[in-house]
Amino acid sequence: MSSQGYKEIVRMLDTDIKGSVPIVEGLTRIKGIGPTLSRAILNKVGIPMYKKTGFLTDEEIKRLETIIKNIKNEFPPYLLNRRFDRYTGEDLHLIGEDVKFIMERDIEFEKKINTWRGLRHKLGLKVRGQRTRTTGRKKGATVGVRRRKK
């Protein structure tokens, strides 16, 4: 990568970010980073929020990556996405594919110990208290309505 000029696509932490979007929005494309954390990271590094991602220098990209990899040490616990991990007891921040992997592991654990949420996941029903009387029937074959013969 060149340290000057515009880049169409910037690669950060196994994620492609379009060069045309502001960096505050571009960071949210990385799984595990939302708008609040994105703004906090940019304030910490000292990069203007609305600078286009394509105009970042290699040095700025490296600074962003090191901060993102060490989020746990750089920011207060309320900005982390996994507080008090079930297995280690630590506050963690998951990035990228780790988010998906850990979430699937948690769901499997809940299914195994037969919690209410685990049972709902097993049955393929809604988990968070949504209504199910008329919505959420997309699973399975569609049943049509037949006309009555005259």
N, C-alpha and C. Protein backbone atom coordinates (compact mmCIF):
# COMPACT_ATOMS: atom_id res chain seq x y z
N MET A 1 0.83 -1.20 0.00
CA MET A 1 0.00 0.00 0.00
C MET A 1 0.87 1.25 0.00
N SER A 2 0.42 2.23 -0.70
CA SER A 2 1.17 3.48 -0.69
C SER A 2 0.76 4.32 0.51
N SER A 3 1.69 5.12 1.00
CA SER A 3 1.39 5.92 2.19
C SER A 3 0.70 7.23 1.82
N GLN A 4 0.62 7.53 0.53
CA GLN A 4 -0.04 8.76 0.11
C GLN A 4 -1.13 8.44 -0.90
N GLY A 5 -2.04 9.38 -1.11
CA GLY A 5 -3.06 9.22 -2.12
C GLY A 5 -4.31 8.51 -1.62
N TYR A 6 -5.18 8.23 -2.57
CA TYR A 6 -6.49 7.67 -2.28
C TYR A 6 -6.50 6.18 -2.59
N LYS A 7 -7.10 5.39 -1.71
CA LYS A 7 -7.25 3.95 -1.92
C LYS A 7 -8.74 3.64 -2.04
N GLU A 8 -9.12 2.88 -3.05
CA GLU A 8 -10.52 2.51 -3.25
C GLU A 8 -11.04 1.64 -2.11
N ILE A 9 -10.20 0.67 -1.69
CA ILE A 9 -10.59 -0.24 -0.62
C ILE A 9 -9.46 -0.30 0.39
N VAL A 10 -9.83 -0.16 1.67
CA VAL A 10 -8.85 -0.25 2.75
C VAL A 10 -9.15 -1.53 3.51
N ARG A 11 -8.12 -2.33 3.74
CA ARG A 11 -8.29 -3.61 4.45
C ARG A 11 -7.85 -3.42 5.89
N MET A 12 -8.79 -3.63 6.81
CA MET A 12 -8.50 -3.53 8.24
C MET A 12 -9.09 -4.74 8.95
N LEU A 13 -8.26 -5.48 9.67
CA LEU A 13 -8.72 -6.60 10.48
C LEU A 13 -9.63 -7.55 9.70
N ASP A 14 -9.15 -8.01 8.55
CA ASP A 14 -9.88 -8.96 7.69
C ASP A 14 -11.21 -8.43 7.18
N THR A 15 -11.35 -7.13 7.09
CA THR A 15 -12.58 -6.52 6.58
C THR A 15 -12.22 -5.49 5.52
N ASP A 16 -12.92 -5.52 4.40
CA ASP A 16 -12.73 -4.52 3.35
C ASP A 16 -13.65 -3.34 3.64
N ILE A 17 -13.07 -2.14 3.63
CA ILE A 17 -13.85 -0.92 3.86
C ILE A 17 -13.70 -0.04 2.63
N LYS A 18 -14.82 0.43 2.09
CA LYS A 18 -14.78 1.30 0.92
C LYS A 18 -14.05 2.59 1.26
N GLY A 19 -13.25 3.09 0.34
CA GLY A 19 -12.50 4.31 0.56
C GLY A 19 -13.36 5.56 0.54
N SER A 20 -14.57 5.45 -0.01
CA SER A 20 -15.42 6.62 -0.16
C SER A 20 -16.23 6.95 1.10
N VAL A 21 -16.28 6.04 2.08
CA VAL A 21 -17.08 6.30 3.28
C VAL A 21 -16.24 6.99 4.36
N PRO A 22 -16.85 7.80 5.21
CA PRO A 22 -16.10 8.40 6.32
C PRO A 22 -15.61 7.30 7.26
N ILE A 23 -14.47 7.52 7.87
CA ILE A 23 -13.85 6.50 8.71
C ILE A 23 -14.74 6.14 9.90
N VAL A 24 -15.52 7.10 10.41
CA VAL A 24 -16.42 6.80 11.54
C VAL A 24 -17.45 5.75 11.13
N GLU A 25 -17.88 5.78 9.89
CA GLU A 25 -18.82 4.79 9.38
C GLU A 25 -18.09 3.53 8.94
N GLY A 26 -16.90 3.69 8.40
CA GLY A 26 -16.13 2.55 7.92
C GLY A 26 -15.75 1.59 9.03
N LEU A 27 -15.41 2.13 10.20
CA LEU A 27 -15.04 1.25 11.32
C LEU A 27 -16.22 0.38 11.76
N THR A 28 -17.45 0.88 11.58
CA THR A 28 -18.61 0.08 11.98
C THR A 28 -18.83 -1.12 11.06
N ARG A 29 -18.15 -1.16 9.92
CA ARG A 29 -18.23 -2.33 9.04
C ARG A 29 -17.50 -3.53 9.64
N ILE A 30 -16.59 -3.26 10.59
CA ILE A 30 -15.87 -4.34 11.26
C ILE A 30 -16.80 -4.93 12.30
N LYS A 31 -17.00 -6.24 12.25
CA LYS A 31 -17.92 -6.90 13.18
C LYS A 31 -17.39 -6.73 14.60
N GLY A 32 -18.23 -6.22 15.49
CA GLY A 32 -17.84 -6.01 16.88
C GLY A 32 -17.59 -4.55 17.22
N ILE A 33 -17.64 -3.67 16.21
CA ILE A 33 -17.44 -2.24 16.46
C ILE A 33 -18.70 -1.50 16.01
N GLY A 34 -19.33 -0.80 16.94
CA GLY A 34 -20.52 -0.03 16.64
C GLY A 34 -20.19 1.45 16.55
N PRO A 35 -21.20 2.29 16.37
CA PRO A 35 -20.97 3.73 16.21
C PRO A 35 -20.32 4.39 17.42
N THR A 36 -20.74 4.02 18.62
CA THR A 36 -20.18 4.64 19.83
C THR A 36 -18.70 4.30 19.98
N LEU A 37 -18.38 3.03 19.83
CA LEU A 37 -16.98 2.61 19.96
C LEU A 37 -16.14 3.19 18.82
N SER A 38 -16.71 3.30 17.64
CA SER A 38 -16.00 3.88 16.50
C SER A 38 -15.59 5.32 16.81
N ARG A 39 -16.51 6.11 17.35
CA ARG A 39 -16.19 7.51 17.70
C ARG A 39 -15.14 7.56 18.81
N ALA A 40 -15.24 6.67 19.79
CA ALA A 40 -14.27 6.64 20.89
C ALA A 40 -12.87 6.31 20.37
N ILE A 41 -12.78 5.36 19.46
CA ILE A 41 -11.48 4.97 18.89
C ILE A 41 -10.87 6.14 18.13
N LEU A 42 -11.67 6.82 17.32
CA LEU A 42 -11.14 7.94 16.53
C LEU A 42 -10.71 9.10 17.42
N ASN A 43 -11.45 9.35 18.50
CA ASN A 43 -11.03 10.40 19.44
C ASN A 43 -9.71 10.03 20.10
N LYS A 44 -9.54 8.77 20.43
CA LYS A 44 -8.30 8.30 21.08
C LYS A 44 -7.10 8.44 20.14
N VAL A 45 -7.30 8.07 18.87
CA VAL A 45 -6.20 8.10 17.90
C VAL A 45 -5.95 9.52 17.39
N GLY A 46 -6.99 10.35 17.38
CA GLY A 46 -6.84 11.73 16.92
C GLY A 46 -7.06 11.91 15.43
N ILE A 47 -7.85 11.03 14.84
CA ILE A 47 -8.19 11.14 13.42
C ILE A 47 -9.56 11.79 13.31
N PRO A 48 -9.73 12.78 12.42
CA PRO A 48 -11.05 13.40 12.25
C PRO A 48 -12.09 12.35 11.83
N MET A 49 -13.29 12.44 12.42
CA MET A 49 -14.32 11.43 12.20
C MET A 49 -14.78 11.32 10.76
N TYR A 50 -14.86 12.44 10.08
CA TYR A 50 -15.44 12.43 8.75
C TYR A 50 -14.40 12.43 7.64
N LYS A 51 -13.16 12.10 7.99
CA LYS A 51 -12.12 11.92 6.98
C LYS A 51 -12.47 10.66 6.19
N LYS A 52 -12.34 10.73 4.89
CA LYS A 52 -12.66 9.57 4.06
C LYS A 52 -11.65 8.45 4.32
N THR A 53 -12.15 7.24 4.37
CA THR A 53 -11.30 6.09 4.68
C THR A 53 -10.18 5.93 3.67
N GLY A 54 -10.44 6.25 2.42
CA GLY A 54 -9.44 6.10 1.37
C GLY A 54 -8.24 7.01 1.52
N PHE A 55 -8.36 8.08 2.29
CA PHE A 55 -7.25 9.02 2.46
C PHE A 55 -6.43 8.75 3.72
N LEU A 56 -6.71 7.66 4.43
CA LEU A 56 -5.91 7.31 5.61
C LEU A 56 -4.51 6.88 5.17
N THR A 57 -3.51 7.30 5.94
CA THR A 57 -2.14 6.86 5.65
C THR A 57 -1.92 5.48 6.26
N ASP A 58 -0.85 4.82 5.83
CA ASP A 58 -0.53 3.50 6.39
C ASP A 58 -0.28 3.58 7.89
N GLU A 59 0.34 4.66 8.33
CA GLU A 59 0.61 4.84 9.75
C GLU A 59 -0.69 4.96 10.55
N GLU A 60 -1.66 5.72 10.03
CA GLU A 60 -2.95 5.87 10.71
C GLU A 60 -3.69 4.53 10.78
N ILE A 61 -3.61 3.76 9.70
CA ILE A 61 -4.26 2.45 9.68
C ILE A 61 -3.64 1.54 10.73
N LYS A 62 -2.31 1.56 10.83
CA LYS A 62 -1.63 0.72 11.84
C LYS A 62 -2.00 1.15 13.25
N ARG A 63 -2.09 2.47 13.49
CA ARG A 63 -2.48 2.95 14.82
C ARG A 63 -3.89 2.49 15.16
N LEU A 64 -4.81 2.59 14.18
CA LEU A 64 -6.19 2.14 14.40
C LEU A 64 -6.23 0.65 14.72
N GLU A 65 -5.48 -0.14 13.96
CA GLU A 65 -5.49 -1.59 14.18
C GLU A 65 -4.94 -1.96 15.55
N THR A 66 -3.87 -1.28 16.00
CA THR A 66 -3.32 -1.61 17.32
C THR A 66 -4.29 -1.23 18.43
N ILE A 67 -4.95 -0.08 18.29
CA ILE A 67 -5.95 0.32 19.30
C ILE A 67 -7.10 -0.68 19.32
N ILE A 68 -7.58 -1.09 18.13
CA ILE A 68 -8.71 -2.01 18.06
C ILE A 68 -8.35 -3.37 18.66
N LYS A 69 -7.12 -3.83 18.42
CA LYS A 69 -6.70 -5.12 18.98
C LYS A 69 -6.56 -5.06 20.50
N ASN A 70 -6.33 -3.86 21.06
CA ASN A 70 -6.16 -3.70 22.51
C ASN A 70 -7.30 -2.91 23.13
N ILE A 71 -8.51 -3.04 22.62
CA ILE A 71 -9.66 -2.28 23.12
C ILE A 71 -9.85 -2.51 24.62
N LYS A 72 -9.65 -3.75 25.05
CA LYS A 72 -9.86 -4.11 26.46
C LYS A 72 -9.00 -3.25 27.39
N ASN A 73 -7.78 -2.93 26.98
CA ASN A 73 -6.87 -2.15 27.81
C ASN A 73 -7.02 -0.65 27.63
N GLU A 74 -7.59 -0.23 26.51
CA GLU A 74 -7.63 1.19 26.15
C GLU A 74 -8.91 1.91 26.60
N PHE A 75 -10.01 1.17 26.75
CA PHE A 75 -11.30 1.80 27.00
C PHE A 75 -11.96 1.24 28.25
N PRO A 76 -12.90 1.98 28.84
CA PRO A 76 -13.60 1.50 30.04
C PRO A 76 -14.48 0.28 29.71
N PRO A 77 -14.79 -0.52 30.72
CA PRO A 77 -15.54 -1.77 30.49
C PRO A 77 -16.92 -1.58 29.84
N TYR A 78 -17.56 -0.42 30.04
CA TYR A 78 -18.91 -0.28 29.48
C TYR A 78 -18.91 -0.17 27.96
N LEU A 79 -17.74 0.01 27.34
CA LEU A 79 -17.68 0.03 25.88
C LEU A 79 -17.36 -1.35 25.29
N LEU A 80 -17.09 -2.33 26.13
CA LEU A 80 -16.76 -3.67 25.65
C LEU A 80 -18.03 -4.45 25.34
N ASN A 81 -17.92 -5.42 24.43
CA ASN A 81 -19.13 -6.13 24.01
C ASN A 81 -19.33 -7.48 24.69
N ARG A 82 -18.42 -7.89 25.56
CA ARG A 82 -18.62 -9.13 26.32
C ARG A 82 -18.06 -8.94 27.71
N ARG A 83 -18.93 -8.49 28.59
CA ARG A 83 -18.49 -8.22 29.96
C ARG A 83 -18.72 -9.44 30.81
N PHE A 84 -17.75 -9.75 31.63
CA PHE A 84 -17.75 -10.91 32.51
C PHE A 84 -18.07 -12.18 31.73
N ASP A 85 -17.08 -12.62 30.98
CA ASP A 85 -17.19 -13.83 30.18
C ASP A 85 -17.52 -15.03 31.06
N ARG A 86 -18.40 -15.89 30.61
CA ARG A 86 -18.86 -17.05 31.38
C ARG A 86 -17.72 -18.00 31.72
N TYR A 87 -16.74 -18.13 30.85
CA TYR A 87 -15.70 -19.14 31.03
C TYR A 87 -14.46 -18.59 31.73
N THR A 88 -14.10 -17.34 31.47
CA THR A 88 -12.88 -16.78 32.06
C THR A 88 -13.15 -15.80 33.18
N GLY A 89 -14.34 -15.20 33.18
CA GLY A 89 -14.67 -14.20 34.19
C GLY A 89 -14.11 -12.83 33.88
N GLU A 90 -13.49 -12.66 32.72
CA GLU A 90 -12.88 -11.38 32.34
C GLU A 90 -13.83 -10.57 31.46
N ASP A 91 -13.54 -9.27 31.36
CA ASP A 91 -14.22 -8.42 30.39
C ASP A 91 -13.46 -8.55 29.08
N LEU A 92 -14.16 -8.89 28.01
CA LEU A 92 -13.53 -9.09 26.71
C LEU A 92 -14.18 -8.20 25.67
N HIS A 93 -13.47 -8.00 24.56
CA HIS A 93 -14.08 -7.36 23.41
C HIS A 93 -13.77 -8.22 22.21
N LEU A 94 -14.81 -8.74 21.57
CA LEU A 94 -14.66 -9.64 20.44
C LEU A 94 -14.73 -8.87 19.14
N ILE A 95 -13.88 -9.24 18.19
CA ILE A 95 -13.81 -8.58 16.90
C ILE A 95 -13.87 -9.64 15.80
N GLY A 96 -14.55 -9.33 14.70
CA GLY A 96 -14.55 -10.18 13.52
C GLY A 96 -15.31 -11.48 13.71
N GLU A 97 -14.72 -12.57 13.25
CA GLU A 97 -15.38 -13.87 13.30
C GLU A 97 -15.54 -14.40 14.72
N ASP A 98 -14.75 -13.87 15.66
CA ASP A 98 -14.89 -14.30 17.06
C ASP A 98 -16.30 -14.02 17.58
N VAL A 99 -16.90 -12.92 17.14
CA VAL A 99 -18.25 -12.55 17.59
C VAL A 99 -19.23 -13.66 17.23
N LYS A 100 -19.20 -14.09 15.97
CA LYS A 100 -20.12 -15.12 15.50
C LYS A 100 -19.85 -16.45 16.20
N PHE A 101 -18.58 -16.82 16.31
CA PHE A 101 -18.21 -18.10 16.93
C PHE A 101 -18.67 -18.17 18.39
N ILE A 102 -18.40 -17.12 19.16
CA ILE A 102 -18.77 -17.11 20.58
C ILE A 102 -20.28 -17.09 20.75
N MET A 103 -20.99 -16.35 19.88
CA MET A 103 -22.44 -16.30 19.96
C MET A 103 -23.04 -17.69 19.70
N GLU A 104 -22.53 -18.39 18.69
CA GLU A 104 -23.01 -19.74 18.41
C GLU A 104 -22.72 -20.68 19.59
N ARG A 105 -21.54 -20.53 20.20
CA ARG A 105 -21.17 -21.36 21.35
C ARG A 105 -22.12 -21.10 22.52
N ASP A 106 -22.48 -19.83 22.75
CA ASP A 106 -23.40 -19.49 23.83
C ASP A 106 -24.79 -20.09 23.59
N ILE A 107 -25.26 -20.03 22.34
CA ILE A 107 -26.57 -20.59 22.01
C ILE A 107 -26.57 -22.10 22.21
N GLU A 108 -25.50 -22.78 21.78
CA GLU A 108 -25.40 -24.23 21.99
C GLU A 108 -25.40 -24.57 23.47
N PHE A 109 -24.71 -23.76 24.28
CA PHE A 109 -24.67 -23.99 25.72
C PHE A 109 -26.07 -23.85 26.32
N GLU A 110 -26.81 -22.83 25.89
CA GLU A 110 -28.17 -22.63 26.40
C GLU A 110 -29.09 -23.76 25.99
N LYS A 111 -28.92 -24.28 24.77
CA LYS A 111 -29.71 -25.43 24.34
C LYS A 111 -29.40 -26.64 25.21
N LYS A 112 -28.12 -26.82 25.50
CA LYS A 112 -27.67 -27.99 26.27
C LYS A 112 -28.23 -27.99 27.69
N ILE A 113 -28.26 -26.82 28.34
CA ILE A 113 -28.73 -26.78 29.72
C ILE A 113 -30.23 -26.52 29.83
N ASN A 114 -30.90 -26.48 28.67
CA ASN A 114 -32.36 -26.35 28.61
C ASN A 114 -32.91 -25.12 29.32
N THR A 115 -32.29 -23.97 29.10
CA THR A 115 -32.89 -22.74 29.59
C THR A 115 -34.08 -22.41 28.71
N TRP A 116 -34.87 -21.45 29.14
CA TRP A 116 -36.02 -21.03 28.34
C TRP A 116 -35.56 -20.58 26.95
N ARG A 117 -34.50 -19.75 26.94
CA ARG A 117 -33.97 -19.28 25.66
C ARG A 117 -33.47 -20.43 24.80
N GLY A 118 -32.80 -21.39 25.44
CA GLY A 118 -32.29 -22.54 24.72
C GLY A 118 -33.40 -23.37 24.09
N LEU A 119 -34.49 -23.56 24.83
CA LEU A 119 -35.63 -24.30 24.29
C LEU A 119 -36.25 -23.57 23.11
N ARG A 120 -36.39 -22.26 23.21
CA ARG A 120 -36.94 -21.48 22.09
C ARG A 120 -36.04 -21.62 20.86
N HIS A 121 -34.72 -21.57 21.07
CA HIS A 121 -33.79 -21.76 19.95
C HIS A 121 -33.96 -23.15 19.35
N LYS A 122 -34.07 -24.17 20.18
CA LYS A 122 -34.24 -25.54 19.70
C LYS A 122 -35.47 -25.68 18.83
N LEU A 123 -36.57 -25.05 19.27
CA LEU A 123 -37.84 -25.16 18.55
C LEU A 123 -37.94 -24.23 17.35
N GLY A 124 -36.96 -23.35 17.19
CA GLY A 124 -36.98 -22.42 16.06
C GLY A 124 -37.99 -21.30 16.24
N LEU A 125 -38.32 -20.98 17.49
CA LEU A 125 -39.29 -19.92 17.77
C LEU A 125 -38.57 -18.64 18.15
N LYS A 126 -39.34 -17.56 18.28
CA LYS A 126 -38.75 -16.29 18.67
C LYS A 126 -38.30 -16.36 20.12
N VAL A 127 -37.18 -15.70 20.41
CA VAL A 127 -36.54 -15.86 21.71
C VAL A 127 -36.76 -14.67 22.62
N ARG A 128 -36.93 -13.49 22.06
CA ARG A 128 -36.90 -12.28 22.88
C ARG A 128 -38.27 -11.72 23.23
N GLY A 129 -39.27 -12.56 23.32
CA GLY A 129 -40.57 -12.12 23.80
C GLY A 129 -41.47 -11.51 22.75
N GLN A 130 -41.12 -11.66 21.47
CA GLN A 130 -41.99 -11.12 20.44
C GLN A 130 -43.26 -11.96 20.34
N ARG A 131 -44.28 -11.38 19.73
CA ARG A 131 -45.53 -12.10 19.53
C ARG A 131 -45.34 -13.18 18.46
N THR A 132 -46.05 -14.28 18.64
CA THR A 132 -45.92 -15.37 17.68
C THR A 132 -47.27 -15.84 17.13
N ARG A 133 -48.35 -15.20 17.55
CA ARG A 133 -49.67 -15.67 17.12
C ARG A 133 -49.84 -15.54 15.60
N THR A 134 -49.43 -14.41 15.05
CA THR A 134 -49.64 -14.20 13.62
C THR A 134 -48.35 -14.03 12.84
N THR A 135 -47.24 -13.76 13.51
CA THR A 135 -46.00 -13.52 12.77
C THR A 135 -45.00 -14.64 13.02
N GLY A 136 -43.95 -14.66 12.23
CA GLY A 136 -42.89 -15.64 12.43
C GLY A 136 -43.24 -17.01 11.93
N ARG A 137 -44.06 -17.09 10.88
CA ARG A 137 -44.46 -18.40 10.36
C ARG A 137 -43.73 -18.75 9.08
N LYS A 138 -42.58 -18.17 8.86
CA LYS A 138 -41.90 -18.35 7.59
C LYS A 138 -41.25 -19.73 7.43
N LYS A 139 -41.04 -20.44 8.54
CA LYS A 139 -40.38 -21.74 8.43
C LYS A 139 -41.36 -22.79 7.94
N GLY A 140 -40.91 -23.66 7.05
CA GLY A 140 -41.76 -24.72 6.52
C GLY A 140 -42.44 -24.29 5.23
N ALA A 141 -43.20 -25.21 4.68
CA ALA A 141 -43.88 -24.96 3.41
C ALA A 141 -45.04 -23.98 3.60
N THR A 142 -45.29 -23.19 2.58
CA THR A 142 -46.40 -22.25 2.61
C THR A 142 -47.70 -23.00 2.33
N VAL A 143 -48.70 -22.75 3.13
CA VAL A 143 -49.99 -23.40 2.95
C VAL A 143 -50.92 -22.41 2.28
N GLY A 144 -51.45 -22.79 1.13
CA GLY A 144 -52.35 -21.90 0.41
C GLY A 144 -53.79 -22.07 0.87
N VAL A 145 -54.64 -21.17 0.42
CA VAL A 145 -56.06 -21.23 0.76
C VAL A 145 -56.80 -21.80 -0.45
N ARG A 146 -57.66 -22.81 -0.21
CA ARG A 146 -58.41 -23.41 -1.32
C ARG A 146 -59.81 -22.84 -1.37
N ARG A 147 -60.29 -22.68 -2.58
CA ARG A 147 -61.67 -22.22 -2.76
C ARG A 147 -62.63 -23.38 -2.55
N ARG A 148 -63.76 -23.03 -2.05
CA ARG A 148 -64.80 -24.02 -1.81
C ARG A 148 -65.48 -24.38 -3.13
N LYS A 149 -65.69 -25.67 -3.34
CA LYS A 149 -66.35 -26.09 -4.58
C LYS A 149 -67.84 -25.80 -4.49
N LYS A 150 -68.41 -25.38 -5.62
CA LYS A 150 -69.84 -25.05 -5.65
C LYS A 150 -70.64 -26.13 -6.30
